[in-house]
C-alpha atoms as a PDB file:
ATOM      1  CA  MET A   1      36.144 162.438 130.642  1.00  0.00           C
ATOM      2  CA  ARG A   2      38.821 161.823 128.012  1.00  0.00           C
ATOM      3  CA  ARG A   3      38.674 158.450 126.089  1.00  0.00           C
ATOM      4  CA  PRO A   4      41.693 156.401 126.073  1.00  0.00           C
ATOM      5  CA  LYS A   5      43.569 156.418 122.831  1.00  0.00           C
ATOM      6  CA  GLU A   6      42.773 153.216 120.750  1.00  0.00           C
ATOM      7  CA  LYS A   7      45.139 150.661 120.242  1.00  0.00           C
ATOM      8  CA  LEU A   8      46.816 150.155 116.738  1.00  0.00           C
ATOM      9  CA  ILE A   9      48.253 147.292 114.821  1.00  0.00           C
ATOM     10  CA  ALA A  10      50.697 147.781 111.947  1.00  0.00           C
ATOM     11  CA  GLY A  11      51.527 145.671 108.875  1.00  0.00           C
ATOM     12  CA  LEU A  12      54.595 146.224 106.898  1.00  0.00           C
ATOM     13  CA  ASP A  13      55.124 145.037 103.319  1.00  0.00           C
ATOM     14  CA  LEU A  14      58.918 145.108 102.874  1.00  0.00           C
ATOM     15  CA  HIS A  15      60.475 145.400  99.346  1.00  0.00           C
ATOM     16  CA  SER A  16      64.240 145.680  98.150  1.00  0.00           C
ATOM     17  CA  ASN A  17      63.914 149.606  98.108  1.00  0.00           C
ATOM     18  CA  ASN A  18      60.959 150.601 100.045  1.00  0.00           C
ATOM     19  CA  VAL A  19      58.353 149.560 102.663  1.00  0.00           C
ATOM     20  CA  MET A  20      54.608 150.239 102.759  1.00  0.00           C
ATOM     21  CA  ILE A  21      53.276 150.621 106.216  1.00  0.00           C
ATOM     22  CA  GLY A  22      49.488 150.210 106.937  1.00  0.00           C
ATOM     23  CA  ILE A  23      47.989 150.831 110.416  1.00  0.00           C
ATOM     24  CA  ILE A  24      44.603 149.692 111.499  1.00  0.00           C
ATOM     25  CA  ASN A  25      42.786 149.901 114.822  1.00  0.00           C
ATOM     26  CA  GLN A  26      41.390 146.844 116.898  1.00  0.00           C
ATOM     27  CA  ASP A  27      38.099 146.946 114.759  1.00  0.00           C
ATOM     28  CA  GLY A  28      39.901 146.556 111.549  1.00  0.00           C
ATOM     29  CA  LYS A  29      39.525 150.163 110.451  1.00  0.00           C
ATOM     30  CA  ARG A  30      42.364 151.561 108.494  1.00  0.00           C
ATOM     31  CA  VAL A  31      43.853 154.467 110.311  1.00  0.00           C
ATOM     32  CA  ALA A  32      47.000 155.406 108.380  1.00  0.00           C
ATOM     33  CA  HIS A  33      49.431 154.474 105.869  1.00  0.00           C
ATOM     34  CA  ARG A  34      52.819 155.507 104.534  1.00  0.00           C
ATOM     35  CA  LYS A  35      55.270 154.209 101.837  1.00  0.00           C
ATOM     36  CA  LEU A  36      58.915 154.940 102.843  1.00  0.00           C
ATOM     37  CA  GLU A  37      62.400 154.058 101.536  1.00  0.00           C
ATOM     38  CA  CYS A  38      64.381 151.243 103.342  1.00  0.00           C
ATOM     39  CA  ASP A  39      65.702 153.685 106.018  1.00  0.00           C
ATOM     40  CA  LEU A  40      65.309 152.715 109.631  1.00  0.00           C
ATOM     41  CA  ALA A  41      65.564 156.415 110.961  1.00  0.00           C
ATOM     42  CA  ALA A  42      62.809 157.381 108.633  1.00  0.00           C
ATOM     43  CA  ILE A  43      60.559 154.594 109.545  1.00  0.00           C
ATOM     44  CA  ILE A  44      60.877 155.076 113.405  1.00  0.00           C
ATOM     45  CA  GLU A  45      60.361 158.889 112.775  1.00  0.00           C
ATOM     46  CA  PHE A  46      56.839 157.983 111.171  1.00  0.00           C
ATOM     47  CA  LEU A  47      55.986 155.475 113.840  1.00  0.00           C
ATOM     48  CA  LYS A  48      57.298 157.501 116.751  1.00  0.00           C
ATOM     49  CA  PRO A  49      53.860 159.399 117.372  1.00  0.00           C
ATOM     50  CA  LEU A  50      51.883 156.166 117.169  1.00  0.00           C
ATOM     51  CA  LYS A  51      54.453 154.065 119.539  1.00  0.00           C
ATOM     52  CA  PRO A  52      52.385 154.361 122.707  1.00  0.00           C
ATOM     53  CA  GLN A  53      49.214 153.122 120.816  1.00  0.00           C
ATOM     54  CA  LEU A  54      50.931 150.297 118.811  1.00  0.00           C
ATOM     55  CA  LEU A  55      49.850 146.956 120.151  1.00  0.00           C
ATOM     56  CA  SER A  56      51.730 144.866 117.844  1.00  0.00           C
ATOM     57  CA  MET A  57      53.477 144.987 114.322  1.00  0.00           C
ATOM     58  CA  ALA A  58      54.162 142.262 111.773  1.00  0.00           C
ATOM     59  CA  VAL A  59      56.397 142.237 108.725  1.00  0.00           C
ATOM     60  CA  GLU A  60      56.530 139.904 105.804  1.00  0.00           C
ATOM     61  CA  SER A  61      59.732 137.712 105.850  1.00  0.00           C
ATOM     62  CA  THR A  62      61.572 138.594 102.671  1.00  0.00           C
ATOM     63  CA  PHE A  63      65.369 138.328 101.825  1.00  0.00           C
ATOM     64  CA  ASN A  64      66.151 141.710 103.651  1.00  0.00           C
ATOM     65  CA  TRP A  65      64.194 141.772 106.928  1.00  0.00           C
ATOM     66  CA  TYR A  66      67.121 141.438 109.205  1.00  0.00           C
ATOM     67  CA  TRP A  67      67.783 145.347 109.584  1.00  0.00           C
ATOM     68  CA  LEU A  68      64.103 146.177 109.907  1.00  0.00           C
ATOM     69  CA  VAL A  69      63.005 143.556 112.543  1.00  0.00           C
ATOM     70  CA  ASP A  70      66.360 143.991 114.492  1.00  0.00           C
ATOM     71  CA  GLY A  71      66.252 147.755 114.367  1.00  0.00           C
ATOM     72  CA  LEU A  72      62.536 148.067 115.490  1.00  0.00           C
ATOM     73  CA  ARG A  73      62.810 145.671 118.222  1.00  0.00           C
ATOM     74  CA  ALA A  74      66.087 147.547 119.477  1.00  0.00           C
ATOM     75  CA  ALA A  75      63.836 150.544 119.423  1.00  0.00           C
ATOM     76  CA  GLY A  76      61.288 148.941 121.499  1.00  0.00           C
ATOM     77  CA  TYR A  77      58.724 148.055 118.938  1.00  0.00           C
ATOM     78  CA  PRO A  78      56.691 144.966 119.253  1.00  0.00           C
ATOM     79  CA  ILE A  79      57.241 143.415 115.956  1.00  0.00           C
ATOM     80  CA  ASP A  80      56.679 139.897 114.634  1.00  0.00           C
ATOM     81  CA  LEU A  81      57.973 138.166 111.474  1.00  0.00           C
ATOM     82  CA  ALA A  82      55.292 136.650 109.284  1.00  0.00           C
ATOM     83  CA  ASN A  83      55.812 133.451 107.187  1.00  0.00           C
ATOM     84  CA  PRO A  84      54.900 134.390 103.508  1.00  0.00           C
ATOM     85  CA  ALA A  85      54.858 130.764 102.444  1.00  0.00           C
ATOM     86  CA  ARG A  86      51.728 130.271 104.634  1.00  0.00           C
ATOM     87  CA  ILE A  87      49.921 133.499 104.068  1.00  0.00           C
ATOM     88  CA  GLU A  88      46.990 133.392 101.656  1.00  0.00           C
ATOM     89  CA  GLN A  89      44.994 136.258 100.128  1.00  0.00           C
ATOM     90  CA  TYR A  90      41.289 135.874  99.488  1.00  0.00           C
ATOM     91  CA  ARG A  91      41.335 134.043  96.172  1.00  0.00           C
ATOM     92  CA  GLY A  92      38.344 136.072  94.710  1.00  0.00           C
ATOM     93  CA  LEU A  93      40.216 139.423  95.178  1.00  0.00           C
ATOM     94  CA  LYS A  94      40.280 141.416  92.070  1.00  0.00           C
ATOM     95  CA  HIS A  95      42.620 144.114  93.044  1.00  0.00           C
ATOM     96  CA  ALA A  96      45.720 144.099  95.220  1.00  0.00           C
ATOM     97  CA  ASN A  97      48.587 146.242  95.675  1.00  0.00           C
ATOM     98  CA  ASP A  98      51.508 146.977  98.312  1.00  0.00           C
ATOM     99  CA  LEU A  99      48.966 149.026 100.411  1.00  0.00           C
ATOM    100  CA  ASP A 100      46.454 146.220 100.423  1.00  0.00           C
ATOM    101  CA  ASP A 101      49.081 143.641 101.278  1.00  0.00           C
ATOM    102  CA  ALA A 102      50.257 145.684 104.311  1.00  0.00           C
ATOM    103  CA  TYR A 103      46.890 145.967 105.578  1.00  0.00           C
ATOM    104  CA  HIS A 104      46.295 142.251 104.916  1.00  0.00           C
ATOM    105  CA  ILE A 105      49.218 141.301 107.230  1.00  0.00           C
ATOM    106  CA  ALA A 106      47.958 143.871 109.801  1.00  0.00           C
ATOM    107  CA  ASP A 107      44.522 142.225 109.758  1.00  0.00           C
ATOM    108  CA  LEU A 108      46.041 138.691 110.221  1.00  0.00           C
ATOM    109  CA  GLN A 109      48.071 140.278 113.231  1.00  0.00           C
ATOM    110  CA  ARG A 110      44.872 141.553 114.679  1.00  0.00           C
ATOM    111  CA  LEU A 111      43.079 138.405 114.536  1.00  0.00           C
ATOM    112  CA  ASN A 112      45.869 136.458 116.017  1.00  0.00           C
ATOM    113  CA  ILE A 113      46.016 134.110 112.850  1.00  0.00           C
ATOM    114  CA  LEU A 114      49.129 135.597 111.285  1.00  0.00           C
ATOM    115  CA  PRO A 115      51.381 132.604 110.376  1.00  0.00           C
ATOM    116  CA  GLN A 116      54.813 133.670 112.150  1.00  0.00           C
ATOM    117  CA  ALA A 117      58.494 132.768 111.386  1.00  0.00           C
ATOM    118  CA  HIS A 118      61.146 132.176 113.615  1.00  0.00           C
ATOM    119  CA  VAL A 119      63.339 135.375 114.444  1.00  0.00           C
ATOM    120  CA  TYR A 120      66.773 133.891 115.011  1.00  0.00           C
ATOM    121  CA  ASP A 121      68.911 135.335 117.768  1.00  0.00           C
ATOM    122  CA  PRO A 122      70.832 138.485 116.162  1.00  0.00           C
ATOM    123  CA  ALA A 123      73.889 137.806 117.961  1.00  0.00           C
ATOM    124  CA  LEU A 124      74.238 134.251 116.611  1.00  0.00           C
ATOM    125  CA  ARG A 125      72.711 134.922 113.051  1.00  0.00           C
ATOM    126  CA  PRO A 126      75.837 136.253 111.385  1.00  0.00           C
ATOM    127  CA  VAL A 127      77.737 133.081 112.635  1.00  0.00           C
ATOM    128  CA  ARG A 128      74.944 130.825 111.217  1.00  0.00           C
ATOM    129  CA  ASP A 129      75.119 132.821 107.857  1.00  0.00           C
ATOM    130  CA  LEU A 130      78.879 132.479 107.807  1.00  0.00           C
ATOM    131  CA  LEU A 131      78.703 128.868 107.991  1.00  0.00           C
ATOM    132  CA  ARG A 132      76.186 128.721 104.963  1.00  0.00           C
ATOM    133  CA  ARG A 133      78.631 130.805 102.930  1.00  0.00           C
ATOM    134  CA  ARG A 134      81.102 127.973 103.774  1.00  0.00           C
ATOM    135  CA  THR A 135      78.561 125.701 101.884  1.00  0.00           C
ATOM    136  CA  ASN A 136      78.908 127.898  98.880  1.00  0.00           C
ATOM    137  CA  LEU A 137      82.827 127.753  98.952  1.00  0.00           C
ATOM    138  CA  VAL A 138      82.885 123.982  99.301  1.00  0.00           C
ATOM    139  CA  GLN A 139      80.767 123.636  96.188  1.00  0.00           C
ATOM    140  CA  GLU A 140      83.045 126.178  94.368  1.00  0.00           C
ATOM    141  CA  ARG A 141      86.085 123.909  95.237  1.00  0.00           C
ATOM    142  CA  THR A 142      84.240 120.808  94.214  1.00  0.00           C
ATOM    143  CA  ALA A 143      83.353 122.242  90.846  1.00  0.00           C
ATOM    144  CA  MET A 144      87.202 123.459  90.558  1.00  0.00           C
ATOM    145  CA  LEU A 145      88.325 119.856  91.479  1.00  0.00           C
ATOM    146  CA  LEU A 146      86.202 118.176  88.947  1.00  0.00           C
ATOM    147  CA  SER A 147      87.060 120.638  86.203  1.00  0.00           C
ATOM    148  CA  PHE A 148      90.773 120.145  86.936  1.00  0.00           C
ATOM    149  CA  LYS A 149      90.312 116.454  86.845  1.00  0.00           C
ATOM    150  CA  SER A 150      88.304 116.667  83.665  1.00  0.00           C
ATOM    151  CA  LEU A 151      91.019 118.753  81.767  1.00  0.00           C
ATOM    152  CA  TYR A 152      93.603 116.027  82.706  1.00  0.00           C
ATOM    153  CA  ALA A 153      91.368 113.273  81.365  1.00  0.00           C
ATOM    154  CA  ARG A 154      90.719 114.892  78.128  1.00  0.00           C
ATOM    155  CA  THR A 155      94.372 115.933  77.308  1.00  0.00           C
ATOM    156  CA  THR A 156      96.072 112.806  78.530  1.00  0.00           C
ATOM    157  CA  GLY A 157      93.539 109.963  78.746  1.00  0.00           C
ATOM    158  CA  GLN A 158      94.543 109.335  82.206  1.00  0.00           C
ATOM    159  CA  SER A 159      92.704 109.720  85.584  1.00  0.00           C
ATOM    160  CA  LEU A 160      93.859 111.890  88.486  1.00  0.00           C
ATOM    161  CA  ASN A 161      93.140 111.136  92.261  1.00  0.00           C
ATOM    162  CA  LEU A 162      91.098 113.805  93.827  1.00  0.00           C
ATOM    163  CA  ASN A 163      93.112 113.810  96.745  1.00  0.00           C
ATOM    164  CA  ASP A 164      96.175 114.117  94.967  1.00  0.00           C
ATOM    165  CA  VAL A 165      94.781 117.196  93.381  1.00  0.00           C
ATOM    166  CA  LYS A 166      93.918 118.592  96.769  1.00  0.00           C
ATOM    167  CA  LYS A 167      97.578 118.302  98.113  1.00  0.00           C
ATOM    168  CA  MET A 168      99.069 119.639  94.722  1.00  0.00           C
ATOM    169  CA  ASP A 169     101.313 122.632  94.938  1.00  0.00           C
ATOM    170  CA  PRO A 170     100.085 125.293  92.379  1.00  0.00           C
ATOM    171  CA  LYS A 171     103.657 125.478  90.961  1.00  0.00           C
ATOM    172  CA  GLU A 172     103.600 121.598  90.113  1.00  0.00           C
ATOM    173  CA  ALA A 173     100.245 121.979  88.181  1.00  0.00           C
ATOM    174  CA  PRO A 174     101.706 123.170  84.969  1.00  0.00           C
ATOM    175  CA  LYS A 175     104.137 120.337  84.750  1.00  0.00           C
ATOM    176  CA  LEU A 176     101.150 117.970  83.920  1.00  0.00           C
ATOM    177  CA  TYR A 177     100.588 119.513  80.408  1.00  0.00           C
ATOM    178  CA  GLU A 178     102.782 120.606  77.503  1.00  0.00           C
ATOM    179  CA  HIS A 179     100.624 123.309  76.067  1.00  0.00           C
ATOM    180  CA  PRO A 180     101.073 126.772  77.505  1.00  0.00           C
ATOM    181  CA  ALA A 181      97.111 127.351  77.655  1.00  0.00           C
ATOM    182  CA  ASN A 182      96.627 124.051  79.644  1.00  0.00           C
ATOM    183  CA  GLN A 183      99.557 125.060  81.954  1.00  0.00           C
ATOM    184  CA  LEU A 184      98.126 128.265  82.791  1.00  0.00           C
ATOM    185  CA  ILE A 185      94.552 127.194  83.491  1.00  0.00           C
ATOM    186  CA  ALA A 186      95.963 124.472  85.495  1.00  0.00           C
ATOM    187  CA  GLN A 187      97.987 126.726  87.730  1.00  0.00           C
ATOM    188  CA  VAL A 188      95.020 129.129  87.998  1.00  0.00           C
ATOM    189  CA  GLN A 189      92.731 126.466  89.120  1.00  0.00           C
ATOM    190  CA  ALA A 190      95.200 125.000  91.595  1.00  0.00           C
ATOM    191  CA  GLU A 191      95.703 128.464  93.112  1.00  0.00           C
ATOM    192  CA  HIS A 192      91.867 129.084  93.505  1.00  0.00           C
ATOM    193  CA  MET A 193      91.464 125.832  94.924  1.00  0.00           C
ATOM    194  CA  GLN A 194      94.196 126.450  97.733  1.00  0.00           C
ATOM    195  CA  ALA A 195      92.690 129.822  98.249  1.00  0.00           C
ATOM    196  CA  LEU A 196      89.340 128.190  98.753  1.00  0.00           C
ATOM    197  CA  GLU A 197      90.536 125.728 101.017  1.00  0.00           C
ATOM    198  CA  GLN A 198      92.222 128.362 103.330  1.00  0.00           C
ATOM    199  CA  SER A 199      89.007 130.328 103.290  1.00  0.00           C
ATOM    200  CA  ILE A 200      86.946 127.231 104.449  1.00  0.00           C
ATOM    201  CA  LYS A 201      89.293 126.531 107.160  1.00  0.00           C
ATOM    202  CA  ARG A 202      89.177 130.065 108.447  1.00  0.00           C
ATOM    203  CA  ILE A 203      85.276 129.934 108.374  1.00  0.00           C
ATOM    204  CA  GLU A 204      85.525 126.588 110.159  1.00  0.00           C
ATOM    205  CA  LYS A 205      87.892 127.792 112.956  1.00  0.00           C
ATOM    206  CA  ALA A 206      85.657 130.831 113.546  1.00  0.00           C
ATOM    207  CA  VAL A 207      82.334 128.930 113.691  1.00  0.00           C
ATOM    208  CA  GLU A 208      83.655 126.290 115.882  1.00  0.00           C
ATOM    209  CA  GLY A 209      84.876 128.761 118.345  1.00  0.00           C
ATOM    210  CA  CYS A 210      81.381 130.015 118.727  1.00  0.00           C
ATOM    211  CA  ALA A 211      79.849 126.562 118.698  1.00  0.00           C
ATOM    212  CA  HIS A 212      82.065 125.450 121.838  1.00  0.00           C
ATOM    213  CA  GLU A 213      80.369 128.123 123.743  1.00  0.00           C
ATOM    214  CA  LEU A 214      76.890 126.493 123.364  1.00  0.00           C
ATOM    215  CA  PRO A 215      76.272 123.553 125.405  1.00  0.00           C
ATOM    216  CA  ILE A 216      74.488 121.549 122.840  1.00  0.00           C
ATOM    217  CA  TYR A 217      77.406 121.285 120.511  1.00  0.00           C
ATOM    218  CA  GLU A 218      79.546 118.937 122.459  1.00  0.00           C
ATOM    219  CA  LYS A 219      76.458 116.859 123.139  1.00  0.00           C
ATOM    220  CA  LEU A 220      75.513 116.480 119.461  1.00  0.00           C
ATOM    221  CA  LEU A 221      79.018 114.915 118.745  1.00  0.00           C
ATOM    222  CA  THR A 222      78.109 111.784 120.638  1.00  0.00           C
ATOM    223  CA  ILE A 223      75.253 110.959 118.044  1.00  0.00           C
ATOM    224  CA  PRO A 224      76.737 108.325 115.423  1.00  0.00           C
ATOM    225  CA  GLY A 225      77.555 110.110 112.188  1.00  0.00           C
ATOM    226  CA  ILE A 226      77.702 113.609 113.568  1.00  0.00           C
ATOM    227  CA  GLY A 227      81.236 115.265 113.513  1.00  0.00           C
ATOM    228  CA  ARG A 228      82.545 118.654 113.604  1.00  0.00           C
ATOM    229  CA  ILE A 229      80.903 120.120 110.584  1.00  0.00           C
ATOM    230  CA  LEU A 230      77.604 118.502 110.999  1.00  0.00           C
ATOM    231  CA  GLY A 231      77.598 119.360 114.714  1.00  0.00           C
ATOM    232  CA  MET A 232      78.234 122.992 114.091  1.00  0.00           C
ATOM    233  CA  THR A 233      75.592 123.112 111.100  1.00  0.00           C
ATOM    234  CA  ILE A 234      72.876 121.457 113.494  1.00  0.00           C
ATOM    235  CA  THR A 235      73.863 123.909 116.432  1.00  0.00           C
ATOM    236  CA  MET A 236      73.817 126.957 114.428  1.00  0.00           C
ATOM    237  CA  GLU A 237      70.726 126.057 112.312  1.00  0.00           C
ATOM    238  CA  VAL A 238      68.397 125.151 115.344  1.00  0.00           C
ATOM    239  CA  GLY A 239      68.766 128.245 117.346  1.00  0.00           C
ATOM    240  CA  ASP A 240      66.108 128.039 120.290  1.00  0.00           C
ATOM    241  CA  ILE A 241      65.273 124.256 120.510  1.00  0.00           C
ATOM    242  CA  LYS A 242      62.235 125.134 122.653  1.00  0.00           C
ATOM    243  CA  ARG A 243      60.296 126.403 119.385  1.00  0.00           C
ATOM    244  CA  PHE A 244      59.961 122.490 118.634  1.00  0.00           C
ATOM    245  CA  LYS A 245      57.370 121.083 121.073  1.00  0.00           C
ATOM    246  CA  THR A 246      58.028 117.513 120.086  1.00  0.00           C
ATOM    247  CA  ASP A 247      60.760 115.398 118.256  1.00  0.00           C
ATOM    248  CA  GLY A 248      58.228 114.979 115.464  1.00  0.00           C
ATOM    249  CA  ASP A 249      58.011 118.687 114.771  1.00  0.00           C
ATOM    250  CA  PHE A 250      61.761 118.921 114.747  1.00  0.00           C
ATOM    251  CA  ALA A 251      62.086 116.060 112.339  1.00  0.00           C
ATOM    252  CA  SER A 252      59.410 117.637 110.031  1.00  0.00           C
ATOM    253  CA  TYR A 253      61.361 121.017 110.162  1.00  0.00           C
ATOM    254  CA  CYS A 254      64.421 118.944 109.091  1.00  0.00           C
ATOM    255  CA  ARG A 255      62.425 117.547 106.085  1.00  0.00           C
ATOM    256  CA  MET A 256      62.881 114.020 107.317  1.00  0.00           C
ATOM    257  CA  VAL A 257      59.283 113.047 107.117  1.00  0.00           C
ATOM    258  CA  ASP A 258      57.026 112.441 104.219  1.00  0.00           C
ATOM    259  CA  ALA A 259      55.057 115.461 102.776  1.00  0.00           C
ATOM    260  CA  ARG A 260      51.651 113.829 102.080  1.00  0.00           C
ATOM    261  CA  HIS A 261      48.106 113.903 103.035  1.00  0.00           C
ATOM    262  CA  LEU A 262      46.329 110.570 103.436  1.00  0.00           C
ATOM    263  CA  SER A 263      42.683 109.993 103.871  1.00  0.00           C
ATOM    264  CA  ASN A 264      41.248 106.427 104.252  1.00  0.00           C
ATOM    265  CA  GLY A 265      44.774 105.121 103.304  1.00  0.00           C
ATOM    266  CA  LYS A 266      44.738 107.092 100.076  1.00  0.00           C
ATOM    267  CA  GLN A 267      46.826 110.036  99.126  1.00  0.00           C
ATOM    268  CA  LYS A 268      44.845 113.134  98.770  1.00  0.00           C
ATOM    269  CA  ALA A 269      47.326 115.713  98.391  1.00  0.00           C
ATOM    270  CA  GLU A 270      51.292 116.626  98.722  1.00  0.00           C
ATOM    271  CA  ASN A 271      52.433 119.170 101.111  1.00  0.00           C
ATOM    272  CA  ASN A 272      55.209 121.677 100.202  1.00  0.00           C
ATOM    273  CA  GLN A 273      58.415 119.499 100.198  1.00  0.00           C
ATOM    274  CA  LYS A 274      60.591 122.672 100.618  1.00  0.00           C
ATOM    275  CA  CYS A 275      58.822 123.726 103.876  1.00  0.00           C
ATOM    276  CA  GLY A 276      61.674 123.332 106.608  1.00  0.00           C
ATOM    277  CA  ASN A 277      65.201 123.923 106.633  1.00  0.00           C
ATOM    278  CA  LYS A 278      67.482 122.638 103.824  1.00  0.00           C
ATOM    279  CA  TYR A 279      70.670 122.862 105.776  1.00  0.00           C
ATOM    280  CA  LEU A 280      69.318 120.676 108.552  1.00  0.00           C
ATOM    281  CA  ALA A 281      67.922 118.230 105.935  1.00  0.00           C
ATOM    282  CA  TRP A 282      71.593 118.019 104.325  1.00  0.00           C
ATOM    283  CA  ALA A 283      73.035 117.442 107.764  1.00  0.00           C
ATOM    284  CA  PHE A 284      70.758 114.517 108.865  1.00  0.00           C
ATOM    285  CA  VAL A 285      71.163 112.734 105.675  1.00  0.00           C
ATOM    286  CA  GLU A 286      74.899 113.087 105.695  1.00  0.00           C
ATOM    287  CA  ALA A 287      74.654 111.919 109.342  1.00  0.00           C
ATOM    288  CA  ALA A 288      72.788 108.875 108.257  1.00  0.00           C
ATOM    289  CA  ASN A 289      75.165 108.135 105.536  1.00  0.00           C
ATOM    290  CA  PHE A 290      78.182 108.140 108.052  1.00  0.00           C
ATOM    291  CA  SER A 291      76.340 106.410 110.681  1.00  0.00           C
ATOM    292  CA  ARG A 292      75.426 103.519 108.489  1.00  0.00           C
ATOM    293  CA  ARG A 293      79.199 103.272 107.512  1.00  0.00           C
ATOM    294  CA  TYR A 294      80.657 103.367 110.903  1.00  0.00           C
ATOM    295  CA  ASN A 295      78.252 102.473 113.584  1.00  0.00           C
ATOM    296  CA  GLU A 296      77.249  98.659 113.875  1.00  0.00           C
ATOM    297  CA  ASN A 297      73.679  99.401 115.083  1.00  0.00           C
ATOM    298  CA  CYS A 298      72.859 102.001 112.718  1.00  0.00           C
ATOM    299  CA  ARG A 299      74.005  99.867 109.853  1.00  0.00           C
ATOM    300  CA  ARG A 300      72.092  96.991 110.887  1.00  0.00           C
ATOM    301  CA  TRP A 301      68.754  98.991 111.350  1.00  0.00           C
ATOM    302  CA  TYR A 302      69.457 100.546 107.908  1.00  0.00           C
ATOM    303  CA  ASP A 303      69.940  97.166 106.258  1.00  0.00           C
ATOM    304  CA  ARG A 304      66.606  95.699 107.674  1.00  0.00           C
ATOM    305  CA  LYS A 305      64.825  99.004 106.477  1.00  0.00           C
ATOM    306  CA  ALA A 306      66.446  98.980 103.111  1.00  0.00           C
ATOM    307  CA  ALA A 307      65.467  95.101 102.496  1.00  0.00           C
ATOM    308  CA  LYS A 308      61.849  96.149 103.223  1.00  0.00           C
ATOM    309  CA  THR A 309      61.866  99.526 101.167  1.00  0.00           C
ATOM    310  CA  SER A 310      64.614 101.093  99.474  1.00  0.00           C
ATOM    311  CA  LYS A 311      68.211 102.493  99.952  1.00  0.00           C
ATOM    312  CA  VAL A 312      66.753 105.988  99.658  1.00  0.00           C
ATOM    313  CA  LEU A 313      63.946 105.553 102.074  1.00  0.00           C
ATOM    314  CA  ALA A 314      66.172 103.748 104.518  1.00  0.00           C
ATOM    315  CA  THR A 315      68.519 106.687 104.535  1.00  0.00           C
ATOM    316  CA  LYS A 316      65.819 109.139 105.116  1.00  0.00           C
ATOM    317  CA  ALA A 317      64.348 106.947 107.959  1.00  0.00           C
ATOM    318  CA  LEU A 318      67.595 106.742 109.618  1.00  0.00           C
ATOM    319  CA  GLY A 319      68.059 110.515 109.203  1.00  0.00           C
ATOM    320  CA  CYS A 320      64.716 110.860 111.062  1.00  0.00           C
ATOM    321  CA  LYS A 321      65.615 108.805 113.899  1.00  0.00           C
ATOM    322  CA  LEU A 322      68.979 110.672 114.278  1.00  0.00           C
ATOM    323  CA  ALA A 323      67.004 113.965 114.123  1.00  0.00           C
ATOM    324  CA  LYS A 324      64.572 112.930 116.947  1.00  0.00           C
ATOM    325  CA  ALA A 325      67.606 111.631 118.938  1.00  0.00           C
ATOM    326  CA  ALA A 326      69.246 115.147 118.385  1.00  0.00           C
ATOM    327  CA  TRP A 327      66.071 116.930 119.589  1.00  0.00           C
ATOM    328  CA  HIS A 328      65.956 114.822 122.954  1.00  0.00           C
ATOM    329  CA  ILE A 329      69.526 115.666 123.402  1.00  0.00           C
ATOM    330  CA  MET A 330      69.072 119.464 122.929  1.00  0.00           C
ATOM    331  CA  ALA A 331      65.684 119.905 124.450  1.00  0.00           C
ATOM    332  CA  LYS A 332      66.434 117.672 127.646  1.00  0.00           C
ATOM    333  CA  GLN A 333      70.244 118.445 127.682  1.00  0.00           C
ATOM    334  CA  CYS A 334      70.880 114.687 128.095  1.00  0.00           C
ATOM    335  CA  GLY A 335      73.616 112.392 126.570  1.00  0.00           C
ATOM    336  CA  TYR A 336      73.036 110.129 123.558  1.00  0.00           C
ATOM    337  CA  ASP A 337      71.372 106.821 124.654  1.00  0.00           C
ATOM    338  CA  GLU A 338      71.684 104.288 121.975  1.00  0.00           C
ATOM    339  CA  LYS A 339      69.151 101.822 123.609  1.00  0.00           C
ATOM    340  CA  ARG A 340      66.394 104.741 123.186  1.00  0.00           C
ATOM    341  CA  MET A 341      67.428 105.088 119.617  1.00  0.00           C
ATOM    342  CA  PHE A 342      67.299 101.202 119.153  1.00  0.00           C
ATOM    343  CA  PRO A 343      64.675  99.744 121.650  1.00  0.00           C
ATOM    344  CA  GLU A 344      65.675  96.272 120.495  1.00  0.00           C
ATOM    345  CA  LEU A 345      69.040  96.597 122.201  1.00  0.00           C
ATOM    346  CA  ALA A 346      67.503  97.403 125.400  1.00  0.00           C
ATOM    347  CA  MET A 347      65.128  94.079 125.103  1.00  0.00           C
ATOM    348  CA  LYS A 348      68.387  91.973 124.530  1.00  0.00           C
ATOM    349  CA  THR A 349      70.031  93.200 127.812  1.00  0.00           C
ATOM    350  CA  LYS A 350      66.916  92.122 129.855  1.00  0.00           C
END
């Protein structure tokens, strides 16, 4: 009687120019390994004879994992993405290399204790990344605006309104100065700002077209403080809302909660404040700032919180409430309910 072939687990340690593959069996015994270039065809060729035996695979989430995870999944390989920020090696380890790291990932996967990262939908991921690039362009435009304003202040002693600079025709910019060098840099900066503005609008139009196809986008716009840009940011950054079991989990991912460990009322340690999504953190802080300006109930709640704590903490707390409201809207496919956001309003109507 032939023994059934043993099941295998693979760990992949990915780098910028190569990937180390370590394969173990269900008892943790090392079976095979190979160091390959970042070539999907070569990796699949190596794994092909083992495919029927591969129970699971895992690769560390590095900056360049898209092609590998998407390619292996498309080829029918069961691969997960590991979260490197939560993976810890044995601290007493005296020797480690890429092969040991690959086997370590495989061992964590075998024991079902591998901290996994979310694999964003490959179809929407390029759109999400496109919107992130918009942030870079906005920052470049802002830096250019401030530089333009600074030059004018240094050479004339006067101040320029930023809105006037945004509307300025590049051909008009040299007229602000007498020296040819200042005229040239003013025109160059004005041309760059105009080009950046056009690029930003093109990106916004493309992303908004995709966002409108998703049901959560229009619902998010009903939340106070959330407009087109913030709505697109939240829609594209969240992905699958089902990965967050509670509104608290989502608020934590948005960096809207304190990163602290308390014991008996005393702070014992601090968590990693960078855990979570920085784009969602920005979006909900911005939403809090807009909502307290233009929504009466948000402003009242913010003022009461700020009087007890500080403006910074009150803004973060309001952002947390907005994040939790967004979770309910996305997870339950419901509309924004102001009385649930502010229970005191419901009590007044009784």
